[in-house]
Amino acid sequence: FHIGWTAIWNDWRRQAKLKLGGKIAVSERHVFAGQDQAAIVHVAEAENDFGAGKLEKANMRGTNVYRLEGGVWKLVSHHSDPLPHLKF
């Protein structure tokens, strides 16, 4: 996992350079919001080219946690993991 904006930004840039193509579709999205904190959980089905020249499916769940700072919602945590048992 990564801590701090610089570490996260560097990892996102690394992932973007992979140019996996494909698409992602989110389902089962649930939003939980308070006055200054919120969380979104979801299930996603993705199709990406992992280098073999064909699209492969990947099923995932994700959680994003936000905090309200100075009137702006900021992402403070993101987690996703594969769910190979899900069938879409």
PDB file of N, CA and C in Angstrom:
ATOM      1  N   PHE A   1       0.842  -1.184   0.000  1.00  0.00           N
ATOM      2  CA  PHE A   1       0.000   0.000   0.000  1.00  0.00           C
ATOM      3  C   PHE A   1       0.880   1.237   0.000  1.00  0.00           C
ATOM      4  N   HIS A   2       0.274   2.365  -0.331  1.00  0.00           N
ATOM      5  CA  HIS A   2       1.012   3.618  -0.451  1.00  0.00           C
ATOM      6  C   HIS A   2       0.459   4.631   0.536  1.00  0.00           C
ATOM      7  N   ILE A   3       1.339   5.410   1.109  1.00  0.00           N
ATOM      8  CA  ILE A   3       0.942   6.459   2.046  1.00  0.00           C
ATOM      9  C   ILE A   3       1.450   7.784   1.513  1.00  0.00           C
ATOM     10  N   GLY A   4       0.556   8.778   1.470  1.00  0.00           N
ATOM     11  CA  GLY A   4       0.936  10.117   1.015  1.00  0.00           C
ATOM     12  C   GLY A   4       0.668  10.306  -0.470  1.00  0.00           C
ATOM     13  N   TRP A   5       0.334  11.544  -0.814  1.00  0.00           N
ATOM     14  CA  TRP A   5      -0.051  11.861  -2.182  1.00  0.00           C
ATOM     15  C   TRP A   5       1.049  11.525  -3.191  1.00  0.00           C
ATOM     16  N   THR A   6       2.292  11.812  -2.895  1.00  0.00           N
ATOM     17  CA  THR A   6       3.375  11.564  -3.855  1.00  0.00           C
ATOM     18  C   THR A   6       3.466  10.083  -4.201  1.00  0.00           C
ATOM     19  N   ALA A   7       3.407   9.225  -3.207  1.00  0.00           N
ATOM     20  CA  ALA A   7       3.485   7.783  -3.447  1.00  0.00           C
ATOM     21  C   ALA A   7       2.294   7.298  -4.266  1.00  0.00           C
ATOM     22  N   ILE A   8       1.115   7.796  -3.950  1.00  0.00           N
ATOM     23  CA  ILE A   8      -0.094   7.391  -4.673  1.00  0.00           C
ATOM     24  C   ILE A   8      -0.036   7.889  -6.116  1.00  0.00           C
ATOM     25  N   TRP A   9       0.314   9.145  -6.302  1.00  0.00           N
ATOM     26  CA  TRP A   9       0.392   9.720  -7.640  1.00  0.00           C
ATOM     27  C   TRP A   9       1.397   8.954  -8.506  1.00  0.00           C
ATOM     28  N   ASN A  10       2.547   8.630  -7.950  1.00  0.00           N
ATOM     29  CA  ASN A  10       3.553   7.877  -8.700  1.00  0.00           C
ATOM     30  C   ASN A  10       3.027   6.503  -9.118  1.00  0.00           C
ATOM     31  N   ASP A  11       2.274   5.840  -8.238  1.00  0.00           N
ATOM     32  CA  ASP A  11       1.727   4.532  -8.584  1.00  0.00           C
ATOM     33  C   ASP A  11       0.643   4.666  -9.647  1.00  0.00           C
ATOM     34  N   TRP A  12      -0.206   5.673  -9.564  1.00  0.00           N
ATOM     35  CA  TRP A  12      -1.228   5.882 -10.594  1.00  0.00           C
ATOM     36  C   TRP A  12      -0.576   6.162 -11.941  1.00  0.00           C
ATOM     37  N   ARG A  13       0.491   6.946 -11.958  1.00  0.00           N
ATOM     38  CA  ARG A  13       1.204   7.223 -13.211  1.00  0.00           C
ATOM     39  C   ARG A  13       1.797   5.933 -13.783  1.00  0.00           C
ATOM     40  N   ARG A  14       2.373   5.093 -12.914  1.00  0.00           N
ATOM     41  CA  ARG A  14       2.930   3.818 -13.358  1.00  0.00           C
ATOM     42  C   ARG A  14       1.843   2.946 -13.980  1.00  0.00           C
ATOM     43  N   GLN A  15       0.687   2.886 -13.336  1.00  0.00           N
ATOM     44  CA  GLN A  15      -0.408   2.079 -13.854  1.00  0.00           C
ATOM     45  C   GLN A  15      -0.926   2.624 -15.187  1.00  0.00           C
ATOM     46  N   ALA A  16      -1.010   3.945 -15.308  1.00  0.00           N
ATOM     47  CA  ALA A  16      -1.494   4.561 -16.551  1.00  0.00           C
ATOM     48  C   ALA A  16      -0.573   4.227 -17.724  1.00  0.00           C
ATOM     49  N   LYS A  17       0.711   4.113 -17.473  1.00  0.00           N
ATOM     50  CA  LYS A  17       1.670   3.798 -18.537  1.00  0.00           C
ATOM     51  C   LYS A  17       1.487   2.380 -19.071  1.00  0.00           C
ATOM     52  N   LEU A  18       0.808   1.518 -18.327  1.00  0.00           N
ATOM     53  CA  LEU A  18       0.577   0.151 -18.783  1.00  0.00           C
ATOM     54  C   LEU A  18      -0.381   0.101 -19.974  1.00  0.00           C
ATOM     55  N   LYS A  19      -1.223   1.128 -20.109  1.00  0.00           N
ATOM     56  CA  LYS A  19      -2.176   1.235 -21.225  1.00  0.00           C
ATOM     57  C   LYS A  19      -2.908  -0.079 -21.450  1.00  0.00           C
ATOM     58  N   LEU A  20      -3.638  -0.505 -20.425  1.00  0.00           N
ATOM     59  CA  LEU A  20      -4.327  -1.787 -20.469  1.00  0.00           C
ATOM     60  C   LEU A  20      -5.560  -1.774 -21.368  1.00  0.00           C
ATOM     61  N   GLY A  21      -6.046  -0.597 -21.702  1.00  0.00           N
ATOM     62  CA  GLY A  21      -7.247  -0.525 -22.537  1.00  0.00           C
ATOM     63  C   GLY A  21      -8.426  -1.140 -21.826  1.00  0.00           C
ATOM     64  N   GLY A  22      -9.449  -1.487 -22.580  1.00  0.00           N
ATOM     65  CA  GLY A  22     -10.600  -2.152 -21.992  1.00  0.00           C
ATOM     66  C   GLY A  22     -11.599  -1.206 -21.387  1.00  0.00           C
ATOM     67  N   LYS A  23     -12.337  -1.719 -20.419  1.00  0.00           N
ATOM     68  CA  LYS A  23     -13.397  -0.932 -19.793  1.00  0.00           C
ATOM     69  C   LYS A  23     -13.655  -1.466 -18.389  1.00  0.00           C
ATOM     70  N   ILE A  24     -14.421  -0.686 -17.630  1.00  0.00           N
ATOM     71  CA  ILE A  24     -14.839  -1.105 -16.302  1.00  0.00           C
ATOM     72  C   ILE A  24     -16.281  -0.676 -16.100  1.00  0.00           C
ATOM     73  N   ALA A  25     -17.085  -1.554 -15.542  1.00  0.00           N
ATOM     74  CA  ALA A  25     -18.481  -1.266 -15.248  1.00  0.00           C
ATOM     75  C   ALA A  25     -18.718  -1.504 -13.763  1.00  0.00           C
ATOM     76  N   VAL A  26     -19.251  -0.504 -13.088  1.00  0.00           N
ATOM     77  CA  VAL A  26     -19.481  -0.575 -11.643  1.00  0.00           C
ATOM     78  C   VAL A  26     -20.939  -0.931 -11.374  1.00  0.00           C
ATOM     79  N   SER A  27     -21.137  -1.828 -10.424  1.00  0.00           N
ATOM     80  CA  SER A  27     -22.487  -2.187  -9.993  1.00  0.00           C
ATOM     81  C   SER A  27     -22.495  -2.263  -8.472  1.00  0.00           C
ATOM     82  N   GLU A  28     -23.669  -2.454  -7.939  1.00  0.00           N
ATOM     83  CA  GLU A  28     -23.822  -2.588  -6.487  1.00  0.00           C
ATOM     84  C   GLU A  28     -23.100  -1.474  -5.739  1.00  0.00           C
ATOM     85  N   ARG A  29     -23.264  -0.247  -6.196  1.00  0.00           N
ATOM     86  CA  ARG A  29     -22.622   0.918  -5.558  1.00  0.00           C
ATOM     87  C   ARG A  29     -23.466   1.354  -4.365  1.00  0.00           C
ATOM     88  N   HIS A  30     -22.801   1.519  -3.243  1.00  0.00           N
ATOM     89  CA  HIS A  30     -23.465   1.974  -2.022  1.00  0.00           C
ATOM     90  C   HIS A  30     -22.670   3.144  -1.460  1.00  0.00           C
ATOM     91  N   VAL A  31     -23.374   4.227  -1.126  1.00  0.00           N
ATOM     92  CA  VAL A  31     -22.745   5.433  -0.600  1.00  0.00           C
ATOM     93  C   VAL A  31     -23.183   5.613   0.841  1.00  0.00           C
ATOM     94  N   PHE A  32     -22.211   5.830   1.700  1.00  0.00           N
ATOM     95  CA  PHE A  32     -22.464   6.104   3.113  1.00  0.00           C
ATOM     96  C   PHE A  32     -21.833   7.450   3.418  1.00  0.00           C
ATOM     97  N   ALA A  33     -22.641   8.447   3.794  1.00  0.00           N
ATOM     98  CA  ALA A  33     -22.100   9.795   3.987  1.00  0.00           C
ATOM     99  C   ALA A  33     -22.547  10.380   5.316  1.00  0.00           C
ATOM    100  N   GLY A  34     -21.599  11.019   5.980  1.00  0.00           N
ATOM    101  CA  GLY A  34     -21.865  11.777   7.183  1.00  0.00           C
ATOM    102  C   GLY A  34     -21.577  13.244   6.893  1.00  0.00           C
ATOM    103  N   GLN A  35     -21.411  14.040   7.929  1.00  0.00           N
ATOM    104  CA  GLN A  35     -21.151  15.462   7.729  1.00  0.00           C
ATOM    105  C   GLN A  35     -19.776  15.733   7.141  1.00  0.00           C
ATOM    106  N   ASP A  36     -18.767  14.985   7.558  1.00  0.00           N
ATOM    107  CA  ASP A  36     -17.414  15.264   7.066  1.00  0.00           C
ATOM    108  C   ASP A  36     -16.641  14.020   6.634  1.00  0.00           C
ATOM    109  N   GLN A  37     -17.320  12.871   6.592  1.00  0.00           N
ATOM    110  CA  GLN A  37     -16.695  11.640   6.096  1.00  0.00           C
ATOM    111  C   GLN A  37     -17.703  10.880   5.250  1.00  0.00           C
ATOM    112  N   ALA A  38     -17.193  10.162   4.258  1.00  0.00           N
ATOM    113  CA  ALA A  38     -18.068   9.356   3.406  1.00  0.00           C
ATOM    114  C   ALA A  38     -17.295   8.148   2.903  1.00  0.00           C
ATOM    115  N   ALA A  39     -18.040   7.123   2.521  1.00  0.00           N
ATOM    116  CA  ALA A  39     -17.434   5.934   1.933  1.00  0.00           C
ATOM    117  C   ALA A  39     -18.324   5.454   0.792  1.00  0.00           C
ATOM    118  N   ILE A  40     -17.693   4.932  -0.228  1.00  0.00           N
ATOM    119  CA  ILE A  40     -18.398   4.324  -1.345  1.00  0.00           C
ATOM    120  C   ILE A  40     -17.829   2.921  -1.521  1.00  0.00           C
ATOM    121  N   VAL A  41     -18.708   1.925  -1.550  1.00  0.00           N
ATOM    122  CA  VAL A  41     -18.292   0.550  -1.817  1.00  0.00           C
ATOM    123  C   VAL A  41     -18.999   0.088  -3.079  1.00  0.00           C
ATOM    124  N   HIS A  42     -18.343  -0.773  -3.852  1.00  0.00           N
ATOM    125  CA  HIS A  42     -18.933  -1.216  -5.106  1.00  0.00           C
ATOM    126  C   HIS A  42     -18.316  -2.529  -5.565  1.00  0.00           C
ATOM    127  N   VAL A  43     -18.974  -3.127  -6.534  1.00  0.00           N
ATOM    128  CA  VAL A  43     -18.452  -4.283  -7.251  1.00  0.00           C
ATOM    129  C   VAL A  43     -18.219  -3.817  -8.679  1.00  0.00           C
ATOM    130  N   ALA A  44     -17.158  -4.295  -9.297  1.00  0.00           N
ATOM    131  CA  ALA A  44     -16.844  -3.875 -10.661  1.00  0.00           C
ATOM    132  C   ALA A  44     -16.437  -5.057 -11.518  1.00  0.00           C
ATOM    133  N   GLU A  45     -16.825  -4.991 -12.780  1.00  0.00           N
ATOM    134  CA  GLU A  45     -16.375  -5.957 -13.775  1.00  0.00           C
ATOM    135  C   GLU A  45     -15.513  -5.186 -14.761  1.00  0.00           C
ATOM    136  N   ALA A  46     -14.285  -5.642 -14.946  1.00  0.00           N
ATOM    137  CA  ALA A  46     -13.350  -4.961 -15.848  1.00  0.00           C
ATOM    138  C   ALA A  46     -12.934  -5.907 -16.959  1.00  0.00           C
ATOM    139  N   GLU A  47     -12.569  -5.321 -18.079  1.00  0.00           N
ATOM    140  CA  GLU A  47     -11.942  -6.049 -19.176  1.00  0.00           C
ATOM    141  C   GLU A  47     -10.697  -5.270 -19.557  1.00  0.00           C
ATOM    142  N   ASN A  48      -9.552  -5.924 -19.479  1.00  0.00           N
ATOM    143  CA  ASN A  48      -8.286  -5.275 -19.798  1.00  0.00           C
ATOM    144  C   ASN A  48      -7.424  -6.194 -20.637  1.00  0.00           C
ATOM    145  N   ASP A  49      -6.520  -5.594 -21.406  1.00  0.00           N
ATOM    146  CA  ASP A  49      -5.508  -6.344 -22.141  1.00  0.00           C
ATOM    147  C   ASP A  49      -4.253  -6.341 -21.273  1.00  0.00           C
ATOM    148  N   PHE A  50      -3.927  -7.469 -20.696  1.00  0.00           N
ATOM    149  CA  PHE A  50      -2.779  -7.562 -19.800  1.00  0.00           C
ATOM    150  C   PHE A  50      -1.499  -7.917 -20.539  1.00  0.00           C
ATOM    151  N   GLY A  51      -1.486  -7.695 -21.867  1.00  0.00           N
ATOM    152  CA  GLY A  51      -0.268  -7.904 -22.635  1.00  0.00           C
ATOM    153  C   GLY A  51      -0.321  -9.061 -23.610  1.00  0.00           C
ATOM    154  N   ALA A  52      -1.381  -9.861 -23.554  1.00  0.00           N
ATOM    155  CA  ALA A  52      -1.487 -11.015 -24.443  1.00  0.00           C
ATOM    156  C   ALA A  52      -2.228 -10.673 -25.738  1.00  0.00           C
ATOM    157  N   GLY A  53      -2.678  -9.420 -25.870  1.00  0.00           N
ATOM    158  CA  GLY A  53      -3.376  -9.008 -27.077  1.00  0.00           C
ATOM    159  C   GLY A  53      -4.852  -9.357 -27.096  1.00  0.00           C
ATOM    160  N   LYS A  54      -5.394  -9.805 -25.965  1.00  0.00           N
ATOM    161  CA  LYS A  54      -6.826 -10.080 -25.890  1.00  0.00           C
ATOM    162  C   LYS A  54      -7.349  -9.573 -24.552  1.00  0.00           C
ATOM    163  N   LEU A  55      -8.628  -9.211 -24.552  1.00  0.00           N
ATOM    164  CA  LEU A  55      -9.235  -8.705 -23.328  1.00  0.00           C
ATOM    165  C   LEU A  55      -9.516  -9.852 -22.366  1.00  0.00           C
ATOM    166  N   GLU A  56      -9.170  -9.638 -21.111  1.00  0.00           N
ATOM    167  CA  GLU A  56      -9.447 -10.611 -20.055  1.00  0.00           C
ATOM    168  C   GLU A  56     -10.324  -9.946 -19.015  1.00  0.00           C
ATOM    169  N   LYS A  57     -11.240 -10.723 -18.441  1.00  0.00           N
ATOM    170  CA  LYS A  57     -12.139 -10.188 -17.419  1.00  0.00           C
ATOM    171  C   LYS A  57     -11.487 -10.245 -16.046  1.00  0.00           C
ATOM    172  N   ALA A  58     -11.798  -9.250 -15.247  1.00  0.00           N
ATOM    173  CA  ALA A  58     -11.352  -9.201 -13.854  1.00  0.00           C
ATOM    174  C   ALA A  58     -12.509  -8.660 -13.026  1.00  0.00           C
ATOM    175  N   ASN A  59     -12.959  -9.413 -12.051  1.00  0.00           N
ATOM    176  CA  ASN A  59     -14.033  -8.986 -11.161  1.00  0.00           C
ATOM    177  C   ASN A  59     -13.413  -8.479  -9.865  1.00  0.00           C
ATOM    178  N   MET A  60     -13.892  -7.316  -9.397  1.00  0.00           N
ATOM    179  CA  MET A  60     -13.281  -6.684  -8.226  1.00  0.00           C
ATOM    180  C   MET A  60     -14.352  -6.085  -7.326  1.00  0.00           C
ATOM    181  N   ARG A  61     -13.948  -5.817  -6.103  1.00  0.00           N
ATOM    182  CA  ARG A  61     -14.749  -4.970  -5.221  1.00  0.00           C
ATOM    183  C   ARG A  61     -13.841  -3.821  -4.822  1.00  0.00           C
ATOM    184  N   GLY A  62     -14.442  -2.685  -4.550  1.00  0.00           N
ATOM    185  CA  GLY A  62     -13.649  -1.513  -4.197  1.00  0.00           C
ATOM    186  C   GLY A  62     -14.286  -0.719  -3.079  1.00  0.00           C
ATOM    187  N   THR A  63     -13.452  -0.023  -2.353  1.00  0.00           N
ATOM    188  CA  THR A  63     -13.904   0.867  -1.286  1.00  0.00           C
ATOM    189  C   THR A  63     -13.106   2.158  -1.379  1.00  0.00           C
ATOM    190  N   ASN A  64     -13.801   3.283  -1.386  1.00  0.00           N
ATOM    191  CA  ASN A  64     -13.171   4.603  -1.339  1.00  0.00           C
ATOM    192  C   ASN A  64     -13.676   5.331  -0.107  1.00  0.00           C
ATOM    193  N   VAL A  65     -12.778   5.944   0.635  1.00  0.00           N
ATOM    194  CA  VAL A  65     -13.124   6.707   1.826  1.00  0.00           C
ATOM    195  C   VAL A  65     -12.726   8.160   1.584  1.00  0.00           C
ATOM    196  N   TYR A  66     -13.638   9.068   1.908  1.00  0.00           N
ATOM    197  CA  TYR A  66     -13.424  10.497   1.684  1.00  0.00           C
ATOM    198  C   TYR A  66     -13.562  11.278   2.986  1.00  0.00           C
ATOM    199  N   ARG A  67     -12.887  12.433   3.026  1.00  0.00           N
ATOM    200  CA  ARG A  67     -12.985  13.351   4.164  1.00  0.00           C
ATOM    201  C   ARG A  67     -13.235  14.747   3.599  1.00  0.00           C
ATOM    202  N   LEU A  68     -14.134  15.491   4.222  1.00  0.00           N
ATOM    203  CA  LEU A  68     -14.421  16.858   3.809  1.00  0.00           C
ATOM    204  C   LEU A  68     -13.409  17.793   4.463  1.00  0.00           C
ATOM    205  N   GLU A  69     -12.611  18.471   3.631  1.00  0.00           N
ATOM    206  CA  GLU A  69     -11.591  19.401   4.121  1.00  0.00           C
ATOM    207  C   GLU A  69     -11.756  20.738   3.410  1.00  0.00           C
ATOM    208  N   GLY A  70     -12.046  21.785   4.149  1.00  0.00           N
ATOM    209  CA  GLY A  70     -12.177  23.116   3.553  1.00  0.00           C
ATOM    210  C   GLY A  70     -13.237  23.179   2.475  1.00  0.00           C
ATOM    211  N   GLY A  71     -14.333  22.450   2.632  1.00  0.00           N
ATOM    212  CA  GLY A  71     -15.411  22.461   1.658  1.00  0.00           C
ATOM    213  C   GLY A  71     -15.183  21.565   0.450  1.00  0.00           C
ATOM    214  N   VAL A  72     -14.092  20.785   0.443  1.00  0.00           N
ATOM    215  CA  VAL A  72     -13.760  19.912  -0.683  1.00  0.00           C
ATOM    216  C   VAL A  72     -13.645  18.470  -0.180  1.00  0.00           C
ATOM    217  N   TRP A  73     -14.312  17.536  -0.881  1.00  0.00           N
ATOM    218  CA  TRP A  73     -14.184  16.123  -0.534  1.00  0.00           C
ATOM    219  C   TRP A  73     -12.871  15.599  -1.065  1.00  0.00           C
ATOM    220  N   LYS A  74     -12.066  15.004  -0.192  1.00  0.00           N
ATOM    221  CA  LYS A  74     -10.759  14.469  -0.577  1.00  0.00           C
ATOM    222  C   LYS A  74     -10.711  12.976  -0.304  1.00  0.00           C
ATOM    223  N   LEU A  75     -10.159  12.238  -1.269  1.00  0.00           N
ATOM    224  CA  LEU A  75      -9.988  10.800  -1.129  1.00  0.00           C
ATOM    225  C   LEU A  75      -8.873  10.538  -0.123  1.00  0.00           C
ATOM    226  N   VAL A  76      -9.173   9.772   0.926  1.00  0.00           N
ATOM    227  CA  VAL A  76      -8.147   9.470   1.921  1.00  0.00           C
ATOM    228  C   VAL A  76      -7.764   7.991   1.927  1.00  0.00           C
ATOM    229  N   SER A  77      -8.583   7.142   1.287  1.00  0.00           N
ATOM    230  CA  SER A  77      -8.235   5.724   1.216  1.00  0.00           C
ATOM    231  C   SER A  77      -8.954   5.094   0.036  1.00  0.00           C
ATOM    232  N   HIS A  78      -8.232   4.240  -0.676  1.00  0.00           N
ATOM    233  CA  HIS A  78      -8.813   3.457  -1.761  1.00  0.00           C
ATOM    234  C   HIS A  78      -8.308   2.030  -1.620  1.00  0.00           C
ATOM    235  N   HIS A  79      -9.213   1.087  -1.754  1.00  0.00           N
ATOM    236  CA  HIS A  79      -8.815  -0.322  -1.707  1.00  0.00           C
ATOM    237  C   HIS A  79      -9.646  -1.084  -2.724  1.00  0.00           C
ATOM    238  N   SER A  80      -8.996  -1.978  -3.454  1.00  0.00           N
ATOM    239  CA  SER A  80      -9.726  -2.892  -4.325  1.00  0.00           C
ATOM    240  C   SER A  80      -9.016  -4.236  -4.295  1.00  0.00           C
ATOM    241  N   ASP A  81      -9.790  -5.275  -4.506  1.00  0.00           N
ATOM    242  CA  ASP A  81      -9.202  -6.600  -4.575  1.00  0.00           C
ATOM    243  C   ASP A  81     -10.018  -7.457  -5.523  1.00  0.00           C
ATOM    244  N   PRO A  82      -9.375  -8.464  -6.111  1.00  0.00           N
ATOM    245  CA  PRO A  82     -10.070  -9.314  -7.072  1.00  0.00           C
ATOM    246  C   PRO A  82     -11.060 -10.245  -6.405  1.00  0.00           C
ATOM    247  N   LEU A  83     -12.120 -10.528  -7.112  1.00  0.00           N
ATOM    248  CA  LEU A  83     -13.130 -11.472  -6.650  1.00  0.00           C
ATOM    249  C   LEU A  83     -13.312 -12.539  -7.731  1.00  0.00           C
ATOM    250  N   PRO A  84     -12.423 -13.511  -7.795  1.00  0.00           N
ATOM    251  CA  PRO A  84     -12.488 -14.498  -8.877  1.00  0.00           C
ATOM    252  C   PRO A  84     -13.753 -15.354  -8.852  1.00  0.00           C
ATOM    253  N   HIS A  85     -14.421 -15.417  -7.710  1.00  0.00           N
ATOM    254  CA  HIS A  85     -15.623 -16.263  -7.614  1.00  0.00           C
ATOM    255  C   HIS A  85     -16.857 -15.597  -8.203  1.00  0.00           C
ATOM    256  N   LEU A  86     -16.818 -14.272  -8.454  1.00  0.00           N
ATOM    257  CA  LEU A  86     -17.991 -13.596  -9.017  1.00  0.00           C
ATOM    258  C   LEU A  86     -18.124 -13.907 -10.496  1.00  0.00           C
ATOM    259  N   LYS A  87     -19.314 -14.143 -10.911  1.00  0.00           N
ATOM    260  CA  LYS A  87     -19.626 -14.358 -12.328  1.00  0.00           C
ATOM    261  C   LYS A  87     -20.588 -13.274 -12.757  1.00  0.00           C
ATOM    262  N   PHE A  88     -20.251 -12.549 -13.800  1.00  0.00           N
ATOM    263  CA  PHE A  88     -21.122 -11.488 -14.308  1.00  0.00           C
ATOM    264  C   PHE A  88     -21.790 -11.922 -15.575  1.00  0.00           C
TER     265      PHE A  88
END
